[in-house]
Amino acid sequence: MAQQERAVRTRRAVLEAAAAVFAERGYAAATIAEILGRAGVTKGALYFHFDSKAALARGVLSEQITTEYHVPRELRLQEWVDAGMTLAKRLPREPMLLAGVRLSADLQGRDVFGSAWPAWADLTAGVLTQAKERGEVLPHVVPEETAQVFLGAWIGVQLVSQAVADWADLDTRVSALFDHLLPAIAAPAVLARLDTAPDRGARVIAEVEREPTALAGAGG
């Protein structure tokens, strides 16, 4: 068991080091040597878990979608908003997420290690499908199509926020994105109940950190 725990910790240390280097330098300029130095592990330990730099990039991308800040809500659309707003709050301060943004936008490297964009689109489409089945979404809405529209807008919002404000206004911009998109897809009675305020992500994160055990066992 102790050996297994060490292996888990080593793998995590390598992933976090790789994410930091990818976020700062991009895939092409990142080196295994720098990742090793940041992780504080041997080359053998790294290659035990990841056999190449491309495998490291795929590992980082696989960490993009997590459930640690998911809180079940009465409305599936509120869960979708919460996912977007918590991501907007977390992204500027978490190298793992920043690395995912940079790797996903790497047009030359995507054929080698892939992208997180399809997974995000699938997640959105799944939540919107559930919301539509519950009557929260207007009948004409095609979840897969809306997911692709939202993904494109989300990517654009990220790029603009990074370019003009070094991510400082990302939560405000994502809040505005939801405010413009939701009226086109949400049932009016549901729309009036949704919380899309810029500080929504911070409040959800605080809620999870305050009561992690209770929320982990909540149903939805």
Protein backbone atom coordinates (compact mmCIF):
# COMPACT_ATOMS: atom_id res chain seq x y z
CA MET A 1 0.00 0.00 0.00
CA ALA A 2 2.81 2.41 0.86
CA GLN A 3 4.46 1.68 -2.48
CA GLN A 4 1.19 2.29 -4.29
CA GLU A 5 0.69 5.60 -2.48
CA ARG A 6 4.21 6.68 -3.41
CA ALA A 7 3.49 5.83 -7.04
CA VAL A 8 0.31 7.92 -6.97
CA ARG A 9 2.16 10.86 -5.40
CA THR A 10 4.99 10.57 -7.91
CA ARG A 11 2.61 10.51 -10.85
CA ARG A 12 0.81 13.56 -9.51
CA ALA A 13 4.06 15.44 -8.93
CA VAL A 14 5.15 14.71 -12.51
CA LEU A 15 1.79 15.83 -13.92
CA GLU A 16 1.80 19.07 -11.94
CA ALA A 17 5.38 19.83 -12.97
CA ALA A 18 4.57 19.12 -16.61
CA ALA A 19 1.48 21.32 -16.42
CA ALA A 20 3.50 24.22 -15.01
CA VAL A 21 6.11 23.93 -17.76
CA PHE A 22 3.53 23.53 -20.54
CA ALA A 23 1.56 26.52 -19.22
CA GLU A 24 4.67 28.71 -19.19
CA ARG A 25 6.50 27.56 -22.32
CA GLY A 26 4.07 25.64 -24.48
CA TYR A 27 4.55 22.10 -25.70
CA ALA A 28 7.33 22.60 -28.23
CA ALA A 29 9.63 24.54 -25.88
CA ALA A 30 9.01 22.30 -22.85
CA THR A 31 11.74 19.81 -22.02
CA ILE A 32 11.74 16.59 -20.04
CA ALA A 33 14.78 17.89 -18.14
CA GLU A 34 12.90 20.93 -16.85
CA ILE A 35 9.88 18.83 -15.93
CA LEU A 36 12.14 16.42 -14.04
CA GLY A 37 13.74 19.32 -12.17
CA ARG A 38 10.40 20.74 -11.14
CA ALA A 39 8.96 17.39 -10.13
CA GLY A 40 12.04 16.38 -8.15
CA VAL A 41 11.92 12.79 -9.43
CA THR A 42 14.29 10.57 -11.37
CA LYS A 43 14.03 10.00 -15.11
CA GLY A 44 13.14 6.38 -14.42
CA ALA A 45 10.27 7.40 -12.16
CA LEU A 46 8.90 9.75 -14.80
CA TYR A 47 9.13 7.22 -17.61
CA PHE A 48 7.48 4.59 -15.43
CA HIS A 49 4.30 6.67 -15.63
CA PHE A 50 4.72 8.54 -18.93
CA ASP A 51 6.81 7.19 -21.80
CA SER A 52 7.12 10.47 -23.72
CA LYS A 53 6.48 14.20 -23.64
CA ALA A 54 3.35 13.57 -25.69
CA ALA A 55 2.11 11.15 -23.03
CA LEU A 56 2.67 13.85 -20.43
CA ALA A 57 0.61 16.28 -22.49
CA ARG A 58 -2.18 13.73 -22.80
CA GLY A 59 -2.02 13.19 -19.05
CA VAL A 60 -2.41 16.90 -18.41
CA LEU A 61 -5.34 17.14 -20.82
CA SER A 62 -7.05 14.20 -19.10
CA GLU A 63 -7.08 16.25 -15.87
CA GLN A 64 -9.09 19.13 -17.33
CA ILE A 65 -12.58 17.90 -16.49
CA THR A 66 -13.01 17.10 -12.81
CA THR A 67 -15.94 16.92 -10.42
CA GLU A 68 -14.38 18.36 -7.27
CA TYR A 69 -16.39 21.58 -7.52
CA HIS A 70 -19.61 20.04 -8.78
CA VAL A 71 -22.58 20.67 -6.50
CA PRO A 72 -25.93 19.08 -7.45
CA ARG A 73 -28.62 21.71 -8.00
CA GLU A 74 -32.35 21.65 -8.63
CA LEU A 75 -31.69 23.05 -12.11
CA ARG A 76 -29.29 21.34 -14.50
CA LEU A 77 -28.75 24.69 -16.21
CA GLN A 78 -27.50 26.11 -12.92
CA GLU A 79 -25.03 23.22 -12.68
CA TRP A 80 -23.80 24.14 -16.18
CA VAL A 81 -23.42 27.78 -15.22
CA ASP A 82 -21.63 26.78 -12.03
CA ALA A 83 -19.19 24.61 -13.99
CA GLY A 84 -18.34 27.52 -16.27
CA MET A 85 -18.07 30.09 -13.51
CA THR A 86 -15.92 27.93 -11.24
CA LEU A 87 -13.64 27.18 -14.18
CA ALA A 88 -13.33 30.91 -14.89
CA LYS A 89 -12.35 31.53 -11.28
CA ARG A 90 -9.90 28.64 -11.08
CA LEU A 91 -8.20 28.90 -14.46
CA PRO A 92 -5.93 31.92 -13.82
CA ARG A 93 -4.48 30.37 -10.66
CA GLU A 94 -4.21 26.67 -11.56
CA PRO A 95 -1.34 25.65 -13.87
CA MET A 96 -3.08 22.38 -14.73
CA LEU A 97 -5.97 24.30 -16.29
CA LEU A 98 -3.74 26.91 -17.89
CA ALA A 99 -1.71 24.13 -19.48
CA GLY A 100 -4.90 22.58 -20.81
CA VAL A 101 -5.84 25.87 -22.48
CA ARG A 102 -2.43 26.25 -24.08
CA LEU A 103 -2.15 22.64 -25.21
CA SER A 104 -5.67 22.57 -26.64
CA ALA A 105 -4.92 25.66 -28.73
CA ASP A 106 -1.62 24.24 -30.04
CA LEU A 107 -2.57 23.55 -33.66
CA GLN A 108 0.74 21.87 -34.45
CA GLY A 109 0.71 19.58 -31.45
CA ARG A 110 -2.96 18.58 -31.40
CA ASP A 111 -2.35 15.72 -33.86
CA VAL A 112 0.19 14.33 -31.38
CA PHE A 113 -1.55 14.70 -28.03
CA GLY A 114 -5.10 15.81 -28.74
CA SER A 115 -7.20 18.55 -27.15
CA ALA A 116 -9.56 19.04 -24.23
CA TRP A 117 -12.11 20.81 -26.43
CA PRO A 118 -14.10 17.71 -27.52
CA ALA A 119 -14.47 16.59 -23.90
CA TRP A 120 -15.74 20.02 -22.86
CA ALA A 121 -18.23 20.04 -25.75
CA ASP A 122 -19.45 16.55 -24.82
CA LEU A 123 -19.88 17.60 -21.19
CA THR A 124 -21.93 20.65 -22.18
CA ALA A 125 -24.06 18.66 -24.61
CA GLY A 126 -24.76 16.06 -21.93
CA VAL A 127 -25.87 18.61 -19.34
CA LEU A 128 -28.03 20.46 -21.87
CA THR A 129 -29.65 17.19 -22.94
CA GLN A 130 -30.59 16.49 -19.34
CA ALA A 131 -31.85 20.03 -18.92
CA LYS A 132 -33.98 19.71 -22.05
CA GLU A 133 -35.50 16.45 -20.81
CA ARG A 134 -36.48 18.27 -17.61
CA GLY A 135 -38.12 21.14 -19.49
CA GLU A 136 -35.45 23.69 -18.60
CA VAL A 137 -34.39 24.23 -22.22
CA LEU A 138 -36.57 25.44 -25.08
CA PRO A 139 -37.86 22.70 -27.44
CA HIS A 140 -36.01 23.96 -30.53
CA VAL A 141 -32.58 23.77 -28.90
CA VAL A 142 -30.15 21.12 -30.21
CA PRO A 143 -27.77 20.43 -27.30
CA GLU A 144 -24.84 19.33 -29.46
CA GLU A 145 -25.11 22.44 -31.61
CA THR A 146 -25.38 24.75 -28.61
CA ALA A 147 -22.37 23.02 -27.05
CA GLN A 148 -20.25 23.83 -30.11
CA VAL A 149 -21.41 27.46 -30.16
CA PHE A 150 -20.65 27.83 -26.47
CA LEU A 151 -17.24 26.19 -26.84
CA GLY A 152 -16.25 28.63 -29.58
CA ALA A 153 -17.44 31.60 -27.57
CA TRP A 154 -15.72 30.31 -24.42
CA ILE A 155 -12.40 29.95 -26.24
CA GLY A 156 -12.72 33.47 -27.61
CA VAL A 157 -13.53 34.90 -24.19
CA GLN A 158 -10.45 33.19 -22.75
CA LEU A 159 -8.18 34.57 -25.44
CA VAL A 160 -9.48 38.12 -25.09
CA SER A 161 -9.28 38.05 -21.29
CA GLN A 162 -5.72 36.76 -21.41
CA ALA A 163 -4.68 39.36 -24.00
CA VAL A 164 -6.21 42.45 -22.43
CA ALA A 165 -6.34 41.69 -18.71
CA ASP A 166 -4.02 38.74 -17.99
CA TRP A 167 -7.13 36.74 -17.01
CA ALA A 168 -8.14 39.25 -14.29
CA ASP A 169 -11.60 39.84 -15.81
CA LEU A 170 -12.33 36.27 -16.93
CA ASP A 171 -15.15 35.71 -14.45
CA THR A 172 -16.85 38.94 -15.56
CA ARG A 173 -16.54 38.01 -19.23
CA VAL A 174 -17.86 34.48 -18.71
CA SER A 175 -20.78 35.87 -16.70
CA ALA A 176 -21.60 38.14 -19.65
CA LEU A 177 -21.34 35.17 -22.03
CA PHE A 178 -23.94 33.24 -20.04
CA ASP A 179 -26.17 36.32 -19.82
CA HIS A 180 -26.18 36.60 -23.62
CA LEU A 181 -26.54 32.91 -24.46
CA LEU A 182 -29.02 31.67 -21.87
CA PRO A 183 -32.00 33.78 -23.04
CA ALA A 184 -31.76 32.00 -26.39
CA ILE A 185 -31.98 28.50 -24.92
CA ALA A 186 -33.57 28.57 -21.45
CA ALA A 187 -37.27 28.39 -20.66
CA PRO A 188 -38.34 31.83 -19.35
CA ALA A 189 -39.38 30.56 -15.91
CA VAL A 190 -36.01 28.83 -15.54
CA LEU A 191 -34.02 31.78 -16.83
CA ALA A 192 -35.38 34.01 -14.07
CA ARG A 193 -34.02 31.61 -11.43
CA LEU A 194 -30.45 31.26 -12.74
CA ASP A 195 -27.55 32.90 -10.91
CA THR A 196 -24.93 34.05 -13.41
CA ALA A 197 -23.29 36.79 -11.33
CA PRO A 198 -19.53 37.32 -11.85
CA ASP A 199 -18.83 36.11 -8.30
CA ARG A 200 -20.85 32.90 -8.74
CA GLY A 201 -17.73 30.78 -9.25
CA ALA A 202 -16.08 32.11 -6.10
CA ARG A 203 -19.21 31.41 -4.06
CA VAL A 204 -19.50 27.83 -5.35
CA ILE A 205 -15.83 27.17 -4.62
CA ALA A 206 -16.26 28.55 -1.10
CA GLU A 207 -19.35 26.38 -0.61
CA VAL A 208 -17.44 23.23 -1.59
CA GLU A 209 -14.42 24.09 0.53
CA ARG A 210 -16.65 24.83 3.52
CA GLU A 211 -18.64 21.58 3.37
CA PRO A 212 -16.79 19.10 1.12
CA THR A 213 -18.01 15.91 2.83
CA ALA A 214 -21.67 16.85 2.87
CA LEU A 215 -21.62 18.00 -0.76
CA ALA A 216 -19.76 14.90 -1.93
CA GLY A 217 -22.63 12.79 -0.73
CA ALA A 218 -25.40 14.99 -2.09
CA GLY A 219 -27.74 13.67 -4.74
CA GLY A 220 -29.16 15.49 -7.74
